Amino acid sequence: MEAVNRKLIRPSLNEIKEQIAPPRRPPQQQKKPVPPDQTNAENFYYVKQMQAKTPMVFVLRDGETLHGVIEWYDKCCLKVNRTGEPNILLYKPCIKYMYKE
């Protein structure tokens, strides 16, 4: 019998690794969406209180409390109408917290 020259066919090492361990990254479809940068919740709250003319109490960083109704607001301040006292422009960084009276 004559010796036949046969070529040995063997899978490469990379192919075996791919079959054993699937890729570690999750598919792109299952990724959670990025939350929005701004929810506009603050603006919604101000508009709601302005429309209802809700009496509010503003507690400032120094402990002083002010009572009034929000007339308008912008990016950095609130205009508060007060009864029996002059209206006031409050800068938002000066407000510690506020609540409905």
C-alpha atoms as a PDB file:
ATOM      1  CA  MET A   1       0.000   0.000   0.000  1.00  0.00           C
ATOM      2  CA  GLU A   2       1.212   3.404  -0.919  1.00  0.00           C
ATOM      3  CA  ALA A   3       1.363   6.291   1.617  1.00  0.00           C
ATOM      4  CA  VAL A   4      -1.116   8.972   0.731  1.00  0.00           C
ATOM      5  CA  ASN A   5      -0.161  12.552   1.425  1.00  0.00           C
ATOM      6  CA  ARG A   6      -3.144  13.933   3.345  1.00  0.00           C
ATOM      7  CA  LYS A   7      -3.580  17.468   4.562  1.00  0.00           C
ATOM      8  CA  LEU A   8      -4.847  17.695   8.121  1.00  0.00           C
ATOM      9  CA  ILE A   9      -7.821  20.077   8.336  1.00  0.00           C
ATOM     10  CA  ARG A  10      -8.161  21.628  11.746  1.00  0.00           C
ATOM     11  CA  PRO A  11     -10.211  24.673  12.844  1.00  0.00           C
ATOM     12  CA  SER A  12      -8.213  27.685  13.903  1.00  0.00           C
ATOM     13  CA  LEU A  13      -7.902  28.537  17.591  1.00  0.00           C
ATOM     14  CA  ASN A  14      -9.929  31.771  17.146  1.00  0.00           C
ATOM     15  CA  GLU A  15     -12.899  29.862  15.736  1.00  0.00           C
ATOM     16  CA  ILE A  16     -12.908  27.520  18.735  1.00  0.00           C
ATOM     17  CA  LYS A  17     -12.784  30.453  21.186  1.00  0.00           C
ATOM     18  CA  GLU A  18     -15.750  32.148  19.473  1.00  0.00           C
ATOM     19  CA  GLN A  19     -17.817  28.959  19.724  1.00  0.00           C
ATOM     20  CA  ILE A  20     -17.024  28.435  23.408  1.00  0.00           C
ATOM     21  CA  ALA A  21     -17.427  31.999  24.731  1.00  0.00           C
ATOM     22  CA  PRO A  22     -20.041  34.279  23.138  1.00  0.00           C
ATOM     23  CA  PRO A  23     -19.222  37.999  22.956  1.00  0.00           C
ATOM     24  CA  ARG A  24     -19.454  39.709  26.340  1.00  0.00           C
ATOM     25  CA  ARG A  25     -21.161  42.920  25.201  1.00  0.00           C
ATOM     26  CA  PRO A  26     -24.979  42.899  25.255  1.00  0.00           C
ATOM     27  CA  PRO A  27     -26.713  43.587  21.955  1.00  0.00           C
ATOM     28  CA  GLN A  28     -27.392  47.244  21.143  1.00  0.00           C
ATOM     29  CA  GLN A  29     -31.170  46.716  21.177  1.00  0.00           C
ATOM     30  CA  GLN A  30     -31.305  45.939  24.917  1.00  0.00           C
ATOM     31  CA  LYS A  31     -29.445  49.079  25.958  1.00  0.00           C
ATOM     32  CA  LYS A  32     -31.487  51.450  28.153  1.00  0.00           C
ATOM     33  CA  PRO A  33     -32.205  54.864  26.641  1.00  0.00           C
ATOM     34  CA  VAL A  34     -30.342  57.815  28.106  1.00  0.00           C
ATOM     35  CA  PRO A  35     -32.597  59.938  30.346  1.00  0.00           C
ATOM     36  CA  PRO A  36     -33.260  63.484  29.148  1.00  0.00           C
ATOM     37  CA  ASP A  37     -31.006  66.273  30.414  1.00  0.00           C
ATOM     38  CA  GLN A  38     -33.950  68.385  31.540  1.00  0.00           C
ATOM     39  CA  THR A  39     -37.395  67.202  32.654  1.00  0.00           C
ATOM     40  CA  ASN A  40     -39.036  70.654  32.882  1.00  0.00           C
ATOM     41  CA  ALA A  41     -40.665  69.597  36.186  1.00  0.00           C
ATOM     42  CA  GLU A  42     -39.621  72.861  37.847  1.00  0.00           C
ATOM     43  CA  ASN A  43     -41.226  74.933  35.080  1.00  0.00           C
ATOM     44  CA  PHE A  44     -44.404  72.848  35.224  1.00  0.00           C
ATOM     45  CA  TYR A  45     -44.630  73.398  39.003  1.00  0.00           C
ATOM     46  CA  TYR A  46     -44.187  77.177  38.708  1.00  0.00           C
ATOM     47  CA  VAL A  47     -46.806  77.478  35.963  1.00  0.00           C
ATOM     48  CA  LYS A  48     -49.282  75.394  37.951  1.00  0.00           C
ATOM     49  CA  GLN A  49     -48.829  77.546  41.077  1.00  0.00           C
ATOM     50  CA  MET A  50     -49.029  80.782  39.049  1.00  0.00           C
ATOM     51  CA  GLN A  51     -52.268  79.796  37.327  1.00  0.00           C
ATOM     52  CA  ALA A  52     -53.925  78.725  40.583  1.00  0.00           C
ATOM     53  CA  LYS A  53     -52.509  81.782  42.417  1.00  0.00           C
ATOM     54  CA  THR A  54     -51.499  79.452  45.225  1.00  0.00           C
ATOM     55  CA  PRO A  55     -50.262  81.203  48.396  1.00  0.00           C
ATOM     56  CA  MET A  56     -46.674  80.043  48.947  1.00  0.00           C
ATOM     57  CA  VAL A  57     -44.145  80.223  51.764  1.00  0.00           C
ATOM     58  CA  PHE A  58     -40.515  80.800  50.762  1.00  0.00           C
ATOM     59  CA  VAL A  59     -37.821  79.919  53.291  1.00  0.00           C
ATOM     60  CA  LEU A  60     -34.562  81.659  52.456  1.00  0.00           C
ATOM     61  CA  ARG A  61     -31.047  80.381  53.177  1.00  0.00           C
ATOM     62  CA  ASP A  62     -30.671  82.771  56.125  1.00  0.00           C
ATOM     63  CA  GLY A  63     -33.887  81.421  57.742  1.00  0.00           C
ATOM     64  CA  GLU A  64     -36.178  84.307  56.800  1.00  0.00           C
ATOM     65  CA  THR A  65     -39.649  83.322  55.561  1.00  0.00           C
ATOM     66  CA  LEU A  66     -41.660  85.194  52.948  1.00  0.00           C
ATOM     67  CA  HIS A  67     -45.329  84.710  52.084  1.00  0.00           C
ATOM     68  CA  GLY A  68     -46.784  85.464  48.675  1.00  0.00           C
ATOM     69  CA  VAL A  69     -47.998  84.345  45.267  1.00  0.00           C
ATOM     70  CA  ILE A  70     -45.682  83.691  42.314  1.00  0.00           C
ATOM     71  CA  GLU A  71     -46.417  86.251  39.574  1.00  0.00           C
ATOM     72  CA  TRP A  72     -43.749  85.154  37.077  1.00  0.00           C
ATOM     73  CA  TYR A  73     -40.424  83.330  36.908  1.00  0.00           C
ATOM     74  CA  ASP A  74     -37.415  83.018  34.673  1.00  0.00           C
ATOM     75  CA  LYS A  75     -34.147  81.096  34.665  1.00  0.00           C
ATOM     76  CA  CYS A  76     -32.705  82.721  37.790  1.00  0.00           C
ATOM     77  CA  CYS A  77     -35.472  84.430  39.772  1.00  0.00           C
ATOM     78  CA  LEU A  78     -39.115  84.538  40.886  1.00  0.00           C
ATOM     79  CA  LYS A  79     -41.341  87.584  41.245  1.00  0.00           C
ATOM     80  CA  VAL A  80     -43.508  87.216  44.341  1.00  0.00           C
ATOM     81  CA  ASN A  81     -46.620  89.321  44.983  1.00  0.00           C
ATOM     82  CA  ARG A  82     -47.178  89.899  48.693  1.00  0.00           C
ATOM     83  CA  THR A  83     -50.244  91.327  50.434  1.00  0.00           C
ATOM     84  CA  GLY A  84     -49.608  94.298  52.695  1.00  0.00           C
ATOM     85  CA  GLU A  85     -45.925  94.400  51.701  1.00  0.00           C
ATOM     86  CA  PRO A  86     -44.060  95.380  48.535  1.00  0.00           C
ATOM     87  CA  ASN A  87     -43.636  92.793  45.793  1.00  0.00           C
ATOM     88  CA  ILE A  88     -40.217  91.161  45.739  1.00  0.00           C
ATOM     89  CA  LEU A  89     -37.842  89.611  43.227  1.00  0.00           C
ATOM     90  CA  LEU A  90     -36.281  86.454  44.708  1.00  0.00           C
ATOM     91  CA  TYR A  91     -33.147  84.918  43.230  1.00  0.00           C
ATOM     92  CA  LYS A  92     -33.509  81.150  43.085  1.00  0.00           C
ATOM     93  CA  PRO A  93     -30.113  80.446  44.731  1.00  0.00           C
ATOM     94  CA  CYS A  94     -31.323  82.395  47.810  1.00  0.00           C
ATOM     95  CA  ILE A  95     -34.321  80.081  48.304  1.00  0.00           C
ATOM     96  CA  LYS A  96     -33.668  77.170  50.643  1.00  0.00           C
ATOM     97  CA  TYR A  97     -37.093  75.609  50.026  1.00  0.00           C
ATOM     98  CA  MET A  98     -40.705  76.567  49.448  1.00  0.00           C
ATOM     99  CA  TYR A  99     -44.102  75.052  50.085  1.00  0.00           C
ATOM    100  CA  LYS A 100     -47.806  75.766  49.726  1.00  0.00           C
ATOM    101  CA  GLU A 101     -49.234  77.878  52.533  1.00  0.00           C
END
